[in-house]
Amino acid sequence: MAQMTIRNLDDAAYARLKAQAKRNHRSLEAEARAILEDAAQPDRAALLQRIRERRKRMAAYYEGDVTADIRKERDSR
């Protein structure tokens, strides 16, 4: 796992982070890690766009009605 050091953090910001960690029942390090991991998540809009594009590409492979096909298969048993 990677490690990092944050230099020159404002004392007030440090105090707020420490209080937030206490409210969330986490250590200061765990709180900072959670904040950084959340901030580093992929852009939601870009992710949704990639999903839409993939669905569109996959639709080219099958043009039927999936629900109807499942019913037909189920009824044939």
C-alpha atoms as a PDB file:
ATOM      1  CA  MET A   1       0.000   0.000   0.000  1.00  0.00           C
ATOM      2  CA  ALA A   2       1.109   3.510  -0.740  1.00  0.00           C
ATOM      3  CA  GLN A   3       1.903   6.072   1.918  1.00  0.00           C
ATOM      4  CA  MET A   4       1.880   9.842   1.848  1.00  0.00           C
ATOM      5  CA  THR A   5       2.712  12.756   4.102  1.00  0.00           C
ATOM      6  CA  ILE A   6       0.697  15.952   4.206  1.00  0.00           C
ATOM      7  CA  ARG A   7       2.796  18.946   5.095  1.00  0.00           C
ATOM      8  CA  ASN A   8       1.728  22.415   6.207  1.00  0.00           C
ATOM      9  CA  LEU A   9      -1.847  21.448   7.107  1.00  0.00           C
ATOM     10  CA  ASP A  10      -3.575  24.368   8.786  1.00  0.00           C
ATOM     11  CA  ASP A  11      -4.085  23.796  12.528  1.00  0.00           C
ATOM     12  CA  ALA A  12      -7.791  24.618  12.259  1.00  0.00           C
ATOM     13  CA  ALA A  13      -8.257  22.128   9.429  1.00  0.00           C
ATOM     14  CA  TYR A  14      -6.403  19.509  11.475  1.00  0.00           C
ATOM     15  CA  ALA A  15      -8.676  20.160  14.464  1.00  0.00           C
ATOM     16  CA  ARG A  16     -11.813  19.902  12.301  1.00  0.00           C
ATOM     17  CA  LEU A  17     -10.562  16.666  10.778  1.00  0.00           C
ATOM     18  CA  LYS A  18      -9.807  15.260  14.210  1.00  0.00           C
ATOM     19  CA  ALA A  19     -13.301  16.202  15.457  1.00  0.00           C
ATOM     20  CA  GLN A  20     -14.878  14.672  12.376  1.00  0.00           C
ATOM     21  CA  ALA A  21     -12.923  11.464  12.932  1.00  0.00           C
ATOM     22  CA  LYS A  22     -14.166  11.327  16.513  1.00  0.00           C
ATOM     23  CA  ARG A  23     -17.786  11.806  15.387  1.00  0.00           C
ATOM     24  CA  ASN A  24     -17.350   8.962  12.888  1.00  0.00           C
ATOM     25  CA  HIS A  25     -15.666   6.718  15.479  1.00  0.00           C
ATOM     26  CA  ARG A  26     -12.475   6.514  13.425  1.00  0.00           C
ATOM     27  CA  SER A  27      -8.859   7.344  13.963  1.00  0.00           C
ATOM     28  CA  LEU A  28      -7.555  10.529  12.393  1.00  0.00           C
ATOM     29  CA  GLU A  29      -5.668   8.442   9.823  1.00  0.00           C
ATOM     30  CA  ALA A  30      -8.748   6.342   8.973  1.00  0.00           C
ATOM     31  CA  GLU A  31     -10.842   9.500   8.556  1.00  0.00           C
ATOM     32  CA  ALA A  32      -8.278  11.086   6.229  1.00  0.00           C
ATOM     33  CA  ARG A  33      -8.070   7.830   4.264  1.00  0.00           C
ATOM     34  CA  ALA A  34     -11.867   7.676   3.892  1.00  0.00           C
ATOM     35  CA  ILE A  35     -12.001  11.283   2.696  1.00  0.00           C
ATOM     36  CA  LEU A  36      -9.203  10.747   0.162  1.00  0.00           C
ATOM     37  CA  GLU A  37     -10.681   7.487  -1.140  1.00  0.00           C
ATOM     38  CA  ASP A  38     -14.076   9.143  -1.562  1.00  0.00           C
ATOM     39  CA  ALA A  39     -12.548  12.126  -3.359  1.00  0.00           C
ATOM     40  CA  ALA A  40     -10.555   9.857  -5.673  1.00  0.00           C
ATOM     41  CA  GLN A  41     -13.604   7.949  -6.926  1.00  0.00           C
ATOM     42  CA  PRO A  42     -14.178   8.058 -10.678  1.00  0.00           C
ATOM     43  CA  ASP A  43     -16.385  10.854 -11.918  1.00  0.00           C
ATOM     44  CA  ARG A  44     -19.969   9.527 -11.634  1.00  0.00           C
ATOM     45  CA  ALA A  45     -21.152  11.220 -14.837  1.00  0.00           C
ATOM     46  CA  ALA A  46     -18.261   9.746 -16.824  1.00  0.00           C
ATOM     47  CA  LEU A  47     -18.894   6.315 -15.331  1.00  0.00           C
ATOM     48  CA  LEU A  48     -22.595   6.441 -16.246  1.00  0.00           C
ATOM     49  CA  GLN A  49     -21.701   7.512 -19.783  1.00  0.00           C
ATOM     50  CA  ARG A  50     -19.330   4.542 -20.167  1.00  0.00           C
ATOM     51  CA  ILE A  51     -22.091   2.220 -18.928  1.00  0.00           C
ATOM     52  CA  ARG A  52     -24.574   3.669 -21.440  1.00  0.00           C
ATOM     53  CA  GLU A  53     -22.072   3.269 -24.265  1.00  0.00           C
ATOM     54  CA  ARG A  54     -21.385  -0.338 -23.290  1.00  0.00           C
ATOM     55  CA  ARG A  55     -25.122  -1.110 -23.154  1.00  0.00           C
ATOM     56  CA  LYS A  56     -25.542   0.396 -26.605  1.00  0.00           C
ATOM     57  CA  ARG A  57     -22.719  -1.759 -27.987  1.00  0.00           C
ATOM     58  CA  MET A  58     -24.143  -4.870 -26.334  1.00  0.00           C
ATOM     59  CA  ALA A  59     -27.610  -4.165 -27.741  1.00  0.00           C
ATOM     60  CA  ALA A  60     -26.177  -4.710 -31.216  1.00  0.00           C
ATOM     61  CA  TYR A  61     -25.615  -8.364 -30.340  1.00  0.00           C
ATOM     62  CA  TYR A  62     -29.236  -9.042 -29.410  1.00  0.00           C
ATOM     63  CA  GLU A  63     -32.301  -7.302 -30.773  1.00  0.00           C
ATOM     64  CA  GLY A  64     -35.056  -9.529 -29.339  1.00  0.00           C
ATOM     65  CA  ASP A  65     -37.204  -9.160 -26.255  1.00  0.00           C
ATOM     66  CA  VAL A  66     -35.305 -10.778 -23.404  1.00  0.00           C
ATOM     67  CA  THR A  67     -38.389 -10.989 -21.176  1.00  0.00           C
ATOM     68  CA  ALA A  68     -40.413 -12.749 -23.861  1.00  0.00           C
ATOM     69  CA  ASP A  69     -37.562 -15.181 -24.518  1.00  0.00           C
ATOM     70  CA  ILE A  70     -37.281 -16.030 -20.828  1.00  0.00           C
ATOM     71  CA  ARG A  71     -41.051 -16.610 -20.580  1.00  0.00           C
ATOM     72  CA  LYS A  72     -40.989 -18.797 -23.685  1.00  0.00           C
ATOM     73  CA  GLU A  73     -38.125 -20.867 -22.295  1.00  0.00           C
ATOM     74  CA  ARG A  74     -39.828 -21.177 -18.896  1.00  0.00           C
ATOM     75  CA  ASP A  75     -43.172 -22.199 -20.450  1.00  0.00           C
ATOM     76  CA  SER A  76     -41.544 -24.881 -22.584  1.00  0.00           C
ATOM     77  CA  ARG A  77     -40.491 -26.851 -19.513  1.00  0.00           C
END
